[in-house]
Amino acid sequence: MSVTFSRSGHTSPSGKLDRRIDVPLSEDLHDMVVVKAAASNKPKAEFARQVLQDALLQPLVAGLPDSVQSKLRALAELTGMSANDLAAKLLTDSVEMKLSMTRSIALQQVLGQSDELPEIPGCR
C-alpha cells in the first residue's frame, strides 16, 4: 500500500498555490473525488486542482490554431509537463511580464525619465 501525503512535494508550474476555494460537496461527489484521487495516486486537493485546471484551460488550448497546439504539445512533452500545465505557466508568465513592463514604464514616467509611454504589444 502506498502512502499519499497531503502535499505532493512537487512545485506547481503555476507558481505558489496560496489561494483557496471552499466548495461544499455532497457525500457522493466527495467520495468520487476521494476514489479518483486515490486511483491517480494524488492527494484530494491536487486531484481537484488538476480537474479544475483542465476544465478551465482545455477550452483555451482547444481554441488555439492547430499549429500552435502541436507546438504546445511538443514543448510540453520536452518539459515533462501536460499541455494544460504548460499553457497555464506560459499564460501566467506572459501576464506577469506585461504587468511588470507596464509598472516599470509608469514608474519611469512618474519619475520624469520618460515623456511618453512606448507601445507595448498586446497591452492597451
N, C-alpha and C. Protein backbone atom coordinates (compact mmCIF):
# COMPACT_ATOMS: atom_id res chain seq x y z
N MET A 1 0.85 -1.18 0.00
CA MET A 1 0.00 0.00 0.00
C MET A 1 0.89 1.24 0.00
N SER A 2 0.61 2.14 -0.92
CA SER A 2 1.42 3.36 -0.97
C SER A 2 0.81 4.43 -0.09
N VAL A 3 1.65 5.28 0.42
CA VAL A 3 1.21 6.37 1.29
C VAL A 3 1.15 7.65 0.47
N THR A 4 0.05 8.35 0.54
CA THR A 4 -0.10 9.63 -0.15
C THR A 4 -0.19 10.72 0.90
N PHE A 5 0.74 11.66 0.83
CA PHE A 5 0.75 12.76 1.77
C PHE A 5 -0.16 13.87 1.27
N SER A 6 -0.51 14.78 2.15
CA SER A 6 -1.41 15.86 1.78
C SER A 6 -0.75 16.84 0.82
N ARG A 7 0.55 16.83 0.74
CA ARG A 7 1.28 17.67 -0.22
C ARG A 7 2.18 16.77 -1.03
N SER A 8 2.18 16.97 -2.32
CA SER A 8 2.91 16.06 -3.20
C SER A 8 4.41 16.28 -3.18
N GLY A 9 4.85 17.46 -2.80
CA GLY A 9 6.27 17.76 -2.85
C GLY A 9 6.71 18.27 -4.21
N HIS A 10 5.77 18.41 -5.13
CA HIS A 10 6.08 18.92 -6.46
C HIS A 10 5.80 20.41 -6.51
N THR A 11 6.64 21.15 -7.21
CA THR A 11 6.41 22.57 -7.40
C THR A 11 5.44 22.74 -8.55
N SER A 12 4.46 23.57 -8.36
CA SER A 12 3.47 23.81 -9.41
C SER A 12 4.05 24.68 -10.50
N PRO A 13 3.78 24.36 -11.76
CA PRO A 13 4.25 25.22 -12.85
C PRO A 13 3.57 26.59 -12.80
N SER A 14 2.46 26.68 -12.09
CA SER A 14 1.75 27.95 -11.98
C SER A 14 2.27 28.82 -10.85
N GLY A 15 3.28 28.33 -10.15
CA GLY A 15 3.85 29.11 -9.06
C GLY A 15 3.24 28.74 -7.71
N LYS A 16 3.38 29.64 -6.78
CA LYS A 16 2.90 29.41 -5.41
C LYS A 16 1.39 29.24 -5.41
N LEU A 17 0.93 28.20 -4.76
CA LEU A 17 -0.50 27.91 -4.68
C LEU A 17 -1.01 28.38 -3.32
N ASP A 18 -1.37 29.65 -3.23
CA ASP A 18 -1.75 30.22 -1.94
C ASP A 18 -3.18 30.75 -1.92
N ARG A 19 -3.97 30.41 -2.92
CA ARG A 19 -5.38 30.81 -2.94
C ARG A 19 -6.24 29.57 -2.70
N ARG A 20 -7.34 29.75 -2.02
CA ARG A 20 -8.19 28.61 -1.67
C ARG A 20 -9.62 28.84 -2.12
N ILE A 21 -10.29 27.73 -2.37
CA ILE A 21 -11.72 27.75 -2.68
C ILE A 21 -12.37 26.73 -1.76
N ASP A 22 -13.34 27.16 -1.01
CA ASP A 22 -14.09 26.26 -0.14
C ASP A 22 -15.36 25.87 -0.90
N VAL A 23 -15.44 24.62 -1.29
CA VAL A 23 -16.55 24.17 -2.12
C VAL A 23 -17.35 23.09 -1.37
N PRO A 24 -18.58 23.41 -0.98
CA PRO A 24 -19.41 22.38 -0.35
C PRO A 24 -19.75 21.28 -1.37
N LEU A 25 -19.60 20.01 -0.96
CA LEU A 25 -19.87 18.88 -1.84
C LEU A 25 -20.85 17.92 -1.19
N SER A 26 -21.59 17.21 -2.01
CA SER A 26 -22.42 16.13 -1.48
C SER A 26 -21.50 14.99 -1.06
N GLU A 27 -22.02 14.10 -0.25
CA GLU A 27 -21.21 12.96 0.19
C GLU A 27 -20.78 12.12 -1.01
N ASP A 28 -21.70 11.92 -1.96
CA ASP A 28 -21.39 11.10 -3.14
C ASP A 28 -20.27 11.73 -3.98
N LEU A 29 -20.36 13.04 -4.21
CA LEU A 29 -19.34 13.70 -5.01
C LEU A 29 -18.00 13.67 -4.28
N HIS A 30 -18.03 13.90 -2.97
CA HIS A 30 -16.80 13.83 -2.17
C HIS A 30 -16.17 12.45 -2.29
N ASP A 31 -17.00 11.41 -2.17
CA ASP A 31 -16.48 10.04 -2.27
C ASP A 31 -15.87 9.76 -3.64
N MET A 32 -16.48 10.31 -4.69
CA MET A 32 -15.93 10.15 -6.04
C MET A 32 -14.55 10.82 -6.14
N VAL A 33 -14.43 12.01 -5.56
CA VAL A 33 -13.14 12.71 -5.58
C VAL A 33 -12.10 11.88 -4.83
N VAL A 34 -12.46 11.35 -3.69
CA VAL A 34 -11.53 10.54 -2.89
C VAL A 34 -11.07 9.32 -3.68
N VAL A 35 -12.01 8.62 -4.32
CA VAL A 35 -11.68 7.41 -5.07
C VAL A 35 -10.80 7.74 -6.28
N LYS A 36 -11.18 8.78 -7.04
CA LYS A 36 -10.41 9.15 -8.23
C LYS A 36 -9.02 9.67 -7.85
N ALA A 37 -8.93 10.42 -6.76
CA ALA A 37 -7.62 10.92 -6.30
C ALA A 37 -6.73 9.75 -5.90
N ALA A 38 -7.29 8.82 -5.17
CA ALA A 38 -6.51 7.64 -4.75
C ALA A 38 -6.07 6.83 -5.96
N ALA A 39 -6.95 6.69 -6.95
CA ALA A 39 -6.62 5.93 -8.16
C ALA A 39 -5.50 6.60 -8.95
N SER A 40 -5.43 7.92 -8.88
CA SER A 40 -4.37 8.63 -9.60
C SER A 40 -3.16 8.89 -8.70
N ASN A 41 -3.22 8.35 -7.48
CA ASN A 41 -2.12 8.47 -6.51
C ASN A 41 -1.79 9.93 -6.20
N LYS A 42 -2.84 10.74 -6.06
CA LYS A 42 -2.67 12.16 -5.73
C LYS A 42 -3.50 12.48 -4.49
N PRO A 43 -3.08 13.49 -3.73
CA PRO A 43 -3.93 13.98 -2.65
C PRO A 43 -5.21 14.58 -3.24
N LYS A 44 -6.27 14.62 -2.45
CA LYS A 44 -7.56 15.15 -2.93
C LYS A 44 -7.42 16.55 -3.51
N ALA A 45 -6.71 17.42 -2.80
CA ALA A 45 -6.59 18.82 -3.25
C ALA A 45 -5.86 18.91 -4.59
N GLU A 46 -4.80 18.13 -4.75
CA GLU A 46 -4.05 18.16 -6.00
C GLU A 46 -4.91 17.62 -7.15
N PHE A 47 -5.64 16.56 -6.88
CA PHE A 47 -6.54 15.99 -7.90
C PHE A 47 -7.61 17.01 -8.29
N ALA A 48 -8.25 17.63 -7.29
CA ALA A 48 -9.31 18.60 -7.57
C ALA A 48 -8.75 19.81 -8.33
N ARG A 49 -7.56 20.26 -7.96
CA ARG A 49 -6.93 21.39 -8.65
C ARG A 49 -6.68 21.04 -10.12
N GLN A 50 -6.22 19.80 -10.38
CA GLN A 50 -5.95 19.37 -11.76
C GLN A 50 -7.24 19.29 -12.56
N VAL A 51 -8.31 18.81 -11.95
CA VAL A 51 -9.61 18.74 -12.64
C VAL A 51 -10.09 20.15 -12.99
N LEU A 52 -9.98 21.08 -12.04
CA LEU A 52 -10.39 22.47 -12.31
C LEU A 52 -9.52 23.10 -13.40
N GLN A 53 -8.22 22.91 -13.29
CA GLN A 53 -7.31 23.50 -14.27
C GLN A 53 -7.59 22.94 -15.67
N ASP A 54 -7.79 21.63 -15.76
CA ASP A 54 -8.09 21.03 -17.06
C ASP A 54 -9.40 21.56 -17.63
N ALA A 55 -10.40 21.66 -16.77
CA ALA A 55 -11.71 22.15 -17.23
C ALA A 55 -11.64 23.59 -17.71
N LEU A 56 -10.82 24.40 -17.08
CA LEU A 56 -10.73 25.81 -17.45
C LEU A 56 -9.75 26.07 -18.59
N LEU A 57 -8.69 25.26 -18.69
CA LEU A 57 -7.67 25.52 -19.71
C LEU A 57 -7.89 24.76 -21.01
N GLN A 58 -8.55 23.61 -20.97
CA GLN A 58 -8.74 22.84 -22.20
C GLN A 58 -9.47 23.64 -23.27
N PRO A 59 -10.53 24.39 -22.93
CA PRO A 59 -11.15 25.21 -23.98
C PRO A 59 -10.21 26.28 -24.53
N LEU A 60 -9.36 26.83 -23.68
CA LEU A 60 -8.38 27.82 -24.13
C LEU A 60 -7.39 27.20 -25.11
N VAL A 61 -6.85 26.05 -24.73
CA VAL A 61 -5.90 25.35 -25.59
C VAL A 61 -6.59 24.89 -26.87
N ALA A 62 -7.83 24.39 -26.75
CA ALA A 62 -8.57 23.92 -27.91
C ALA A 62 -8.87 25.06 -28.89
N GLY A 63 -8.93 26.28 -28.39
CA GLY A 63 -9.20 27.44 -29.24
C GLY A 63 -7.98 27.94 -30.00
N LEU A 64 -6.81 27.40 -29.69
CA LEU A 64 -5.60 27.80 -30.39
C LEU A 64 -5.56 27.16 -31.77
N PRO A 65 -4.90 27.80 -32.72
CA PRO A 65 -4.74 27.16 -34.04
C PRO A 65 -4.03 25.82 -33.90
N ASP A 66 -4.32 24.88 -34.80
CA ASP A 66 -3.74 23.54 -34.73
C ASP A 66 -2.22 23.56 -34.68
N SER A 67 -1.60 24.46 -35.45
CA SER A 67 -0.14 24.52 -35.47
C SER A 67 0.41 24.91 -34.10
N VAL A 68 -0.29 25.81 -33.41
CA VAL A 68 0.16 26.23 -32.08
C VAL A 68 -0.08 25.11 -31.07
N GLN A 69 -1.21 24.42 -31.20
CA GLN A 69 -1.49 23.30 -30.30
C GLN A 69 -0.43 22.22 -30.42
N SER A 70 -0.01 21.91 -31.64
CA SER A 70 1.00 20.86 -31.82
C SER A 70 2.34 21.30 -31.23
N LYS A 71 2.67 22.58 -31.38
CA LYS A 71 3.92 23.09 -30.78
C LYS A 71 3.83 23.07 -29.26
N LEU A 72 2.67 23.41 -28.73
CA LEU A 72 2.47 23.39 -27.28
C LEU A 72 2.61 21.97 -26.75
N ARG A 73 2.01 21.00 -27.44
CA ARG A 73 2.12 19.60 -27.01
C ARG A 73 3.58 19.12 -27.08
N ALA A 74 4.29 19.49 -28.14
CA ALA A 74 5.69 19.08 -28.28
C ALA A 74 6.55 19.68 -27.17
N LEU A 75 6.36 20.96 -26.91
CA LEU A 75 7.12 21.62 -25.86
C LEU A 75 6.77 21.03 -24.49
N ALA A 76 5.48 20.75 -24.28
CA ALA A 76 5.05 20.14 -23.01
C ALA A 76 5.73 18.79 -22.82
N GLU A 77 5.81 18.00 -23.89
CA GLU A 77 6.45 16.69 -23.80
C GLU A 77 7.93 16.84 -23.46
N LEU A 78 8.59 17.82 -24.06
CA LEU A 78 10.02 18.04 -23.79
C LEU A 78 10.26 18.47 -22.35
N THR A 79 9.32 19.22 -21.79
CA THR A 79 9.49 19.72 -20.42
C THR A 79 8.92 18.78 -19.37
N GLY A 80 8.24 17.72 -19.83
CA GLY A 80 7.65 16.77 -18.89
C GLY A 80 6.39 17.29 -18.23
N MET A 81 5.76 18.27 -18.86
CA MET A 81 4.53 18.85 -18.31
C MET A 81 3.35 18.46 -19.20
N SER A 82 2.15 18.57 -18.67
CA SER A 82 0.98 18.40 -19.52
C SER A 82 0.81 19.68 -20.34
N ALA A 83 0.10 19.58 -21.46
CA ALA A 83 -0.14 20.76 -22.29
C ALA A 83 -0.89 21.82 -21.50
N ASN A 84 -1.83 21.40 -20.65
CA ASN A 84 -2.58 22.36 -19.85
C ASN A 84 -1.71 23.04 -18.81
N ASP A 85 -0.81 22.27 -18.16
CA ASP A 85 0.11 22.88 -17.18
C ASP A 85 1.01 23.89 -17.86
N LEU A 86 1.53 23.52 -19.03
CA LEU A 86 2.41 24.43 -19.76
C LEU A 86 1.65 25.67 -20.20
N ALA A 87 0.41 25.50 -20.68
CA ALA A 87 -0.39 26.65 -21.09
C ALA A 87 -0.62 27.58 -19.90
N ALA A 88 -0.90 27.02 -18.74
CA ALA A 88 -1.11 27.83 -17.54
C ALA A 88 0.16 28.60 -17.19
N LYS A 89 1.31 27.93 -17.26
CA LYS A 89 2.58 28.58 -16.94
C LYS A 89 2.90 29.69 -17.93
N LEU A 90 2.75 29.41 -19.21
CA LEU A 90 3.04 30.41 -20.23
C LEU A 90 2.12 31.61 -20.11
N LEU A 91 0.85 31.36 -19.87
CA LEU A 91 -0.11 32.46 -19.72
C LEU A 91 0.23 33.30 -18.49
N THR A 92 0.51 32.63 -17.39
CA THR A 92 0.87 33.34 -16.15
C THR A 92 2.14 34.16 -16.35
N ASP A 93 3.16 33.54 -16.94
CA ASP A 93 4.43 34.24 -17.16
C ASP A 93 4.24 35.45 -18.08
N SER A 94 3.44 35.29 -19.12
CA SER A 94 3.21 36.38 -20.07
C SER A 94 2.49 37.55 -19.40
N VAL A 95 1.46 37.25 -18.64
CA VAL A 95 0.72 38.31 -17.96
C VAL A 95 1.62 39.02 -16.95
N GLU A 96 2.39 38.26 -16.17
CA GLU A 96 3.28 38.86 -15.18
C GLU A 96 4.34 39.73 -15.85
N MET A 97 4.87 39.29 -16.99
CA MET A 97 5.89 40.07 -17.69
C MET A 97 5.29 41.38 -18.21
N LYS A 98 4.11 41.32 -18.80
CA LYS A 98 3.48 42.54 -19.33
C LYS A 98 3.12 43.49 -18.19
N LEU A 99 2.67 42.95 -17.08
CA LEU A 99 2.35 43.78 -15.92
C LEU A 99 3.61 44.45 -15.38
N SER A 100 4.69 43.69 -15.30
CA SER A 100 5.96 44.25 -14.83
C SER A 100 6.46 45.35 -15.76
N MET A 101 6.36 45.13 -17.07
CA MET A 101 6.78 46.15 -18.03
C MET A 101 5.94 47.41 -17.89
N THR A 102 4.63 47.23 -17.73
CA THR A 102 3.74 48.38 -17.60
C THR A 102 4.05 49.17 -16.34
N ARG A 103 4.30 48.47 -15.23
CA ARG A 103 4.66 49.15 -13.98
C ARG A 103 5.97 49.91 -14.13
N SER A 104 6.94 49.30 -14.77
CA SER A 104 8.23 49.93 -14.96
C SER A 104 8.10 51.21 -15.80
N ILE A 105 7.33 51.14 -16.85
CA ILE A 105 7.12 52.31 -17.72
C ILE A 105 6.39 53.41 -16.96
N ALA A 106 5.37 53.02 -16.21
CA ALA A 106 4.63 54.01 -15.43
C ALA A 106 5.54 54.67 -14.40
N LEU A 107 6.41 53.90 -13.76
CA LEU A 107 7.33 54.45 -12.77
C LEU A 107 8.31 55.41 -13.43
N GLN A 108 8.80 55.05 -14.60
CA GLN A 108 9.70 55.95 -15.33
C GLN A 108 9.00 57.26 -15.66
N GLN A 109 7.76 57.16 -16.06
CA GLN A 109 7.01 58.37 -16.41
C GLN A 109 6.80 59.24 -15.17
N VAL A 110 6.46 58.63 -14.06
CA VAL A 110 6.24 59.37 -12.82
C VAL A 110 7.53 60.05 -12.37
N LEU A 111 8.64 59.37 -12.54
CA LEU A 111 9.93 59.92 -12.12
C LEU A 111 10.51 60.90 -13.15
N GLY A 112 9.77 61.11 -14.25
CA GLY A 112 10.20 62.07 -15.24
C GLY A 112 11.29 61.55 -16.16
N GLN A 113 11.48 60.23 -16.18
CA GLN A 113 12.51 59.66 -17.04
C GLN A 113 12.00 59.36 -18.44
N SER A 114 10.71 59.49 -18.64
CA SER A 114 10.14 59.20 -19.94
C SER A 114 8.97 60.15 -20.17
N ASP A 115 8.93 60.77 -21.34
CA ASP A 115 7.85 61.70 -21.65
C ASP A 115 6.62 61.01 -22.20
N GLU A 116 6.81 59.86 -22.80
CA GLU A 116 5.67 59.15 -23.37
C GLU A 116 5.81 57.66 -23.13
N LEU A 117 4.68 57.00 -23.16
CA LEU A 117 4.68 55.57 -22.97
C LEU A 117 4.89 54.88 -24.31
N PRO A 118 5.88 54.00 -24.42
CA PRO A 118 6.07 53.29 -25.66
C PRO A 118 4.96 52.27 -25.87
N GLU A 119 4.74 51.88 -27.09
CA GLU A 119 3.72 50.87 -27.41
C GLU A 119 4.17 49.53 -26.90
N ILE A 120 3.29 48.85 -26.14
CA ILE A 120 3.57 47.52 -25.65
C ILE A 120 2.60 46.60 -26.38
N PRO A 121 3.10 45.71 -27.23
CA PRO A 121 2.21 44.81 -27.98
C PRO A 121 1.30 44.04 -27.04
N GLY A 122 0.02 44.04 -27.35
CA GLY A 122 -0.96 43.31 -26.56
C GLY A 122 -1.40 44.00 -25.30
N CYS A 123 -0.82 45.14 -24.95
CA CYS A 123 -1.19 45.89 -23.75
C CYS A 123 -1.80 47.22 -24.18
N ARG A 124 -3.01 47.45 -23.81
CA ARG A 124 -3.66 48.70 -24.19
C ARG A 124 -4.11 49.45 -22.96
